[in-house]
Amino acid sequence: MLYEMRTYQVQPGKAPEFLNMYQSDGLPIITRYARLVGCWVKESGVLNSTVFIWAYDDFAHRTTQRGLLAKDSEWQQFVPRMLPYLVHQESVFMNPTAFSPLK
């Protein structure tokens, strides 16, 4: 299993609007291609940030699924609506240890 921690830093004051838009319009699309493990709003560190954890079978599976997502016409229409909210985004890939509860 591969986990992707994807962090979106949004414009100050725009987090509630971004999260509402992402939940109603983006989530139904992306969850066709990735399994959402969780979503959090950061209260320390880089503020105005939302962290998503997505699960994939492995990196090859993620590559395939992200390729399919990129071709999805609904996603192509959603991304330009999301971009004005973003200040920064980052992806970190994590493999679970043998004793991790999430494998």
Protein backbone atom coordinates (compact mmCIF):
# COMPACT_ATOMS: atom_id res chain seq x y z
CA MET A 1 0.00 0.00 0.00
CA LEU A 2 1.16 3.52 -0.81
CA TYR A 3 -0.18 6.59 0.95
CA GLU A 4 0.02 10.05 -0.53
CA MET A 5 -0.12 12.99 1.86
CA ARG A 6 -1.26 15.90 -0.28
CA THR A 7 -1.24 19.32 1.36
CA TYR A 8 -2.99 22.36 -0.07
CA GLN A 9 -2.21 25.78 1.38
CA VAL A 10 -5.02 28.16 0.46
CA GLN A 11 -5.48 31.91 0.48
CA PRO A 12 -6.02 33.25 4.03
CA GLY A 13 -9.70 33.26 4.91
CA LYS A 14 -10.63 31.01 2.00
CA ALA A 15 -10.34 27.58 3.68
CA PRO A 16 -14.07 27.13 4.44
CA GLU A 17 -15.02 28.11 0.89
CA PHE A 18 -12.32 25.88 -0.60
CA LEU A 19 -13.35 22.89 1.53
CA ASN A 20 -17.03 23.29 0.67
CA MET A 21 -16.25 23.50 -3.04
CA TYR A 22 -13.82 20.55 -2.87
CA GLN A 23 -16.28 18.39 -0.92
CA SER A 24 -19.26 19.08 -3.16
CA ASP A 25 -17.56 19.22 -6.56
CA GLY A 26 -14.06 17.68 -6.40
CA LEU A 27 -14.45 14.76 -4.03
CA PRO A 28 -17.09 12.93 -6.10
CA ILE A 29 -14.68 12.99 -9.05
CA ILE A 30 -11.34 12.13 -7.44
CA THR A 31 -12.78 9.30 -5.35
CA ARG A 32 -13.44 7.45 -8.60
CA TYR A 33 -9.66 7.08 -8.84
CA ALA A 34 -8.26 7.16 -5.28
CA ARG A 35 -9.39 6.10 -1.82
CA LEU A 36 -9.60 8.92 0.69
CA VAL A 37 -8.14 7.84 4.04
CA GLY A 38 -8.72 11.19 5.73
CA CYS A 39 -8.73 14.96 5.50
CA TRP A 40 -7.50 17.41 8.13
CA VAL A 41 -7.12 21.16 8.59
CA LYS A 42 -3.76 22.14 10.08
CA GLU A 43 -3.80 24.06 13.36
CA SER A 44 -0.01 24.48 13.55
CA GLY A 45 2.89 24.75 11.16
CA VAL A 46 1.93 26.26 7.81
CA LEU A 47 -1.55 27.61 8.47
CA ASN A 48 -4.45 27.81 6.02
CA SER A 49 -3.52 24.26 4.98
CA THR A 50 -5.62 21.19 4.36
CA VAL A 51 -4.05 17.73 4.35
CA PHE A 52 -5.53 14.82 2.42
CA ILE A 53 -4.29 11.24 2.72
CA TRP A 54 -4.99 9.14 -0.38
CA ALA A 55 -4.37 5.39 -0.65
CA TYR A 56 -3.14 3.44 -3.66
CA ASP A 57 -2.03 -0.16 -4.11
CA ASP A 58 1.48 1.00 -5.05
CA PHE A 59 3.19 3.78 -7.02
CA ALA A 60 2.31 2.19 -10.37
CA HIS A 61 -1.35 2.12 -9.35
CA ARG A 62 -1.15 5.79 -8.33
CA THR A 63 0.45 6.69 -11.66
CA THR A 64 -2.30 4.89 -13.58
CA GLN A 65 -5.10 6.36 -11.49
CA ARG A 66 -3.74 9.91 -11.67
CA GLY A 67 -3.45 9.52 -15.44
CA LEU A 68 -7.10 8.50 -15.64
CA LEU A 69 -8.07 11.39 -13.36
CA ALA A 70 -6.21 13.84 -15.59
CA LYS A 71 -8.25 12.64 -18.59
CA ASP A 72 -11.59 12.93 -16.76
CA SER A 73 -13.50 15.84 -18.34
CA GLU A 74 -15.24 16.68 -15.07
CA TRP A 75 -11.86 16.91 -13.30
CA GLN A 76 -10.52 19.08 -16.12
CA GLN A 77 -13.41 21.49 -15.48
CA PHE A 78 -12.93 21.37 -11.71
CA VAL A 79 -9.18 22.10 -11.56
CA PRO A 80 -9.40 25.66 -12.96
CA ARG A 81 -12.01 26.42 -10.27
CA MET A 82 -9.67 25.11 -7.55
CA LEU A 83 -6.45 26.82 -8.66
CA PRO A 84 -7.32 30.39 -7.57
CA TYR A 85 -7.59 29.19 -3.95
CA LEU A 86 -4.11 27.67 -3.86
CA VAL A 87 -0.94 29.29 -2.56
CA HIS A 88 1.11 26.09 -2.46
CA GLN A 89 0.64 22.35 -2.78
CA GLU A 90 2.86 19.44 -1.83
CA SER A 91 2.71 15.65 -2.17
CA VAL A 92 4.60 13.25 0.07
CA PHE A 93 4.55 9.48 -0.54
CA MET A 94 4.64 7.14 2.42
CA ASN A 95 4.95 3.35 2.64
CA PRO A 96 3.64 1.77 5.85
CA THR A 97 5.94 -0.18 8.14
CA ALA A 98 5.27 -3.84 8.93
CA PHE A 99 3.66 -2.84 12.25
CA SER A 100 1.54 0.05 10.93
CA PRO A 101 -2.20 -0.35 11.57
CA LEU A 102 -2.78 1.03 8.06
CA LYS A 103 -1.25 -1.34 5.53
